[in-house]
C-alpha atoms as a PDB file:
ATOM      1  CA  UNK A   1     112.591 243.262 -63.320  1.00  0.00           C
ATOM      2  CA  UNK A   2     111.205 241.287 -66.257  1.00  0.00           C
ATOM      3  CA  UNK A   3     114.684 240.653 -67.674  1.00  0.00           C
ATOM      4  CA  UNK A   4     115.915 239.142 -64.406  1.00  0.00           C
ATOM      5  CA  UNK A   5     112.824 236.955 -64.135  1.00  0.00           C
ATOM      6  CA  UNK A   6     113.287 235.730 -67.687  1.00  0.00           C
ATOM      7  CA  UNK A   7     116.959 234.962 -67.081  1.00  0.00           C
ATOM      8  CA  UNK A   8     116.209 233.037 -63.871  1.00  0.00           C
ATOM      9  CA  UNK A   9     113.444 231.033 -65.518  1.00  0.00           C
ATOM     10  CA  UNK A  10     115.658 230.135 -68.478  1.00  0.00           C
ATOM     11  CA  UNK A  11     118.486 229.141 -66.121  1.00  0.00           C
ATOM     12  CA  UNK A  12     116.087 226.942 -64.163  1.00  0.00           C
ATOM     13  CA  UNK A  13     114.838 225.330 -67.371  1.00  0.00           C
ATOM     14  CA  UNK A  14     118.410 224.667 -68.554  1.00  0.00           C
ATOM     15  CA  UNK A  15     119.420 223.132 -65.211  1.00  0.00           C
ATOM     16  CA  UNK A  16     116.309 220.977 -65.142  1.00  0.00           C
ATOM     17  CA  UNK A  17     117.013 219.763 -68.669  1.00  0.00           C
ATOM     18  CA  UNK A  18     120.609 218.880 -67.781  1.00  0.00           C
ATOM     19  CA  UNK A  19     119.486 217.007 -64.664  1.00  0.00           C
ATOM     20  CA  UNK A  20     116.905 215.022 -66.624  1.00  0.00           C
ATOM     21  CA  UNK A  21     119.479 214.131 -69.277  1.00  0.00           C
ATOM     22  CA  UNK A  22     122.037 213.018 -66.685  1.00  0.00           C
ATOM     23  CA  UNK A  23     119.518 210.877 -64.783  1.00  0.00           C
ATOM     24  CA  UNK A  24     118.316 209.368 -68.042  1.00  0.00           C
ATOM     25  CA  UNK A  25     121.863 208.537 -69.066  1.00  0.00           C
ATOM     26  CA  UNK A  26     122.553 206.906 -65.702  1.00  0.00           C
ATOM     27  CA  UNK A  27     119.398 204.811 -65.882  1.00  0.00           C
ATOM     28  CA  UNK A  28     119.961 203.581 -69.432  1.00  0.00           C
ATOM     29  CA  UNK A  29     123.661 202.699 -69.157  1.00  0.00           C
ATOM     30  CA  UNK A  30     123.508 199.798 -66.721  1.00  0.00           C
ATOM     31  CA  UNK A  31     125.890 197.529 -68.646  1.00  0.00           C
ATOM     32  CA  UNK A  32     128.801 199.967 -68.439  1.00  0.00           C
ATOM     33  CA  UNK A  33     128.402 200.299 -64.666  1.00  0.00           C
ATOM     34  CA  UNK A  34     128.609 196.544 -64.083  1.00  0.00           C
ATOM     35  CA  UNK A  35     131.709 196.151 -66.255  1.00  0.00           C
ATOM     36  CA  UNK A  36     133.455 199.011 -64.445  1.00  0.00           C
ATOM     37  CA  UNK A  37     132.545 197.517 -61.070  1.00  0.00           C
ATOM     38  CA  UNK A  38     133.860 194.114 -62.164  1.00  0.00           C
ATOM     39  CA  UNK A  39     137.165 195.616 -63.275  1.00  0.00           C
ATOM     40  CA  UNK A  40     137.579 197.371 -59.908  1.00  0.00           C
ATOM     41  CA  UNK A  41     136.857 194.169 -58.011  1.00  0.00           C
ATOM     42  CA  UNK A  42     139.574 192.329 -59.928  1.00  0.00           C
ATOM     43  CA  UNK A  43     142.099 195.040 -59.121  1.00  0.00           C
ATOM     44  CA  UNK A  44     141.131 195.026 -55.443  1.00  0.00           C
ATOM     45  CA  UNK A  45     141.554 191.249 -55.240  1.00  0.00           C
ATOM     46  CA  UNK A  46     144.974 191.279 -56.857  1.00  0.00           C
ATOM     47  CA  UNK A  47     146.269 194.115 -54.665  1.00  0.00           C
ATOM     48  CA  UNK A  48     144.940 192.628 -51.420  1.00  0.00           C
ATOM     49  CA  UNK A  49     146.447 189.209 -52.107  1.00  0.00           C
ATOM     50  CA  UNK A  50     149.863 190.760 -52.866  1.00  0.00           C
ATOM     51  CA  UNK A  51     149.882 192.724 -49.577  1.00  0.00           C
END
């Protein structure tokens, strides 16, 4: 019983750490998101005007 509890607690800690790292990466990389959104807008404008 102690082994299973230890494994579940370590899995929870690892998942929590990954979630915190992913959220931190999303919050700190705001410049990349705006450049990607701008590139998609340009593609959408060129395809809609051709149609």
